[in-house]
Protein backbone atom coordinates (compact mmCIF):
# COMPACT_ATOMS: atom_id res chain seq x y z
CA MET A 1 -13.40 47.10 10.01
CA GLN A 2 -15.08 45.39 7.12
CA VAL A 3 -16.09 47.16 3.92
CA SER A 4 -17.66 44.96 1.30
CA ASP A 5 -20.00 47.46 -0.35
CA ASN A 6 -19.31 49.30 -3.60
CA ASP A 7 -20.84 52.44 -2.18
CA PRO A 8 -18.95 55.71 -1.62
CA ALA A 9 -21.31 56.65 1.23
CA LYS A 10 -20.51 53.41 3.06
CA TRP A 11 -16.80 53.98 2.46
CA ASN A 12 -17.00 57.53 3.78
CA LEU A 13 -18.80 56.23 6.87
CA ALA A 14 -16.05 53.65 7.49
CA LEU A 15 -13.30 56.22 6.98
CA ASN A 16 -15.10 58.66 9.28
CA ASN A 17 -15.46 55.95 11.94
CA ALA A 18 -11.76 55.16 11.70
CA ARG A 19 -10.74 58.82 11.93
CA ASN A 20 -13.10 59.40 14.88
CA ALA A 21 -11.61 56.41 16.71
CA GLN A 22 -8.12 57.83 16.17
CA ASP A 23 -9.25 61.27 17.34
CA ASP A 24 -10.98 59.93 20.45
CA LEU A 25 -8.35 57.39 21.52
CA GLY A 26 -5.23 58.94 20.02
CA LYS A 27 -3.85 57.49 16.80
CA ASP A 28 -0.82 56.09 18.64
CA ASN A 29 -3.14 54.16 20.99
CA ILE A 30 -5.17 52.26 18.41
CA ASP A 31 -4.50 50.02 15.42
CA ILE A 32 -7.12 50.21 12.71
CA GLU A 33 -7.33 47.90 9.73
CA ILE A 34 -9.99 48.16 7.05
CA VAL A 35 -10.45 44.82 5.30
CA VAL A 36 -11.98 45.13 1.86
CA TYR A 37 -13.55 42.36 -0.22
CA GLY A 38 -16.45 41.63 -2.52
CA PRO A 39 -17.97 44.59 -4.37
CA GLY A 40 -16.18 47.01 -2.00
CA ILE A 41 -12.89 46.24 -3.75
CA HIS A 42 -13.81 48.71 -6.51
CA MET A 43 -13.48 51.60 -4.07
CA LEU A 44 -9.75 50.81 -3.88
CA ARG A 45 -9.12 51.34 -7.58
CA MET A 46 -6.87 54.27 -8.46
CA GLU A 47 -9.73 56.12 -10.17
CA ALA A 48 -12.30 55.53 -7.41
CA THR A 49 -14.15 58.51 -5.95
CA THR A 50 -12.73 57.55 -2.55
CA ALA A 51 -9.06 57.49 -3.62
CA THR A 52 -8.15 60.78 -1.93
CA ARG A 53 -9.76 59.74 1.36
CA VAL A 54 -8.04 56.35 1.19
CA THR A 55 -4.71 58.13 0.76
CA GLN A 56 -5.43 60.38 3.75
CA ALA A 57 -6.42 57.40 5.90
CA ILE A 58 -3.26 55.49 5.08
CA LYS A 59 -1.13 58.57 5.81
CA SER A 60 -2.82 58.81 9.22
CA GLY A 61 -1.81 55.24 10.06
CA ILE A 62 -4.92 53.30 9.07
CA SER A 63 -4.11 50.04 7.31
CA ILE A 64 -6.28 49.21 4.30
CA VAL A 65 -6.04 45.69 2.93
CA ALA A 66 -7.61 44.21 -0.19
CA CYS A 67 -8.70 40.60 -0.63
CA GLU A 68 -6.71 38.86 -3.34
CA ASN A 69 -9.44 36.21 -3.75
CA THR A 70 -11.89 38.94 -4.72
CA MET A 71 -9.38 40.51 -7.07
CA THR A 72 -8.78 37.18 -8.79
CA ALA A 73 -12.51 36.47 -9.10
CA GLN A 74 -13.16 39.92 -10.55
CA LYS A 75 -10.03 39.87 -12.75
CA ILE A 76 -8.53 42.93 -11.07
CA ASN A 77 -4.75 43.43 -11.09
CA LYS A 78 -2.67 45.20 -8.47
CA ALA A 79 -1.71 47.69 -11.18
CA ASP A 80 -5.36 48.85 -11.16
CA MET A 81 -5.37 49.45 -7.43
CA HIS A 82 -4.48 52.33 -5.15
CA ASP A 83 -0.71 52.16 -4.77
CA ALA A 84 -0.59 52.51 -0.96
CA ILE A 85 -2.89 49.64 0.05
CA SER A 86 -1.81 46.20 1.26
CA TYR A 87 -3.13 42.77 0.35
CA VAL A 88 -4.27 39.61 2.13
CA PRO A 89 -5.05 36.27 0.51
CA ALA A 90 -8.63 36.19 1.84
CA GLY A 91 -10.51 39.10 3.42
CA VAL A 92 -12.94 36.98 5.43
CA ILE A 93 -10.08 34.90 6.86
CA GLN A 94 -8.22 38.12 7.77
CA LEU A 95 -11.27 39.28 9.74
CA MET A 96 -11.47 35.91 11.50
CA LYS A 97 -7.76 36.02 12.38
CA ARG A 98 -8.04 39.53 13.77
CA GLN A 99 -11.01 38.56 15.92
CA GLN A 100 -9.06 35.58 17.29
CA GLN A 101 -6.24 38.01 18.14
CA GLY A 102 -8.68 40.09 20.17
CA TRP A 103 -9.40 42.87 17.67
CA ALA A 104 -12.86 44.45 17.75
CA TYR A 105 -14.98 43.86 14.63
CA ILE A 106 -16.83 46.82 13.14
CA ARG A 107 -19.00 46.84 10.04
CA PRO A 108 -20.18 50.37 9.28
């Protein structure tokens, strides 16, 4: 899944979609990765309104990865970010790689 909007409603939609997919298919039967870049990166900060939901998603097995290119461009440090997320060098490239590997692409 892609989240590139700095909008709690969009984030909640993405997290709901991910949880629903786990509920419908069984969380052991699906891998879900939310790739975050652009303005959406702010929703991964420790003080973000979505921090609790991000924590719950990660605990349920959903991978959430932040784009380091975006962080560099916006002068954001890992110390500012939610402590349970992962990182990729480039969010757009991560999405492309996942599609090449056969993953479905979803943009809520």
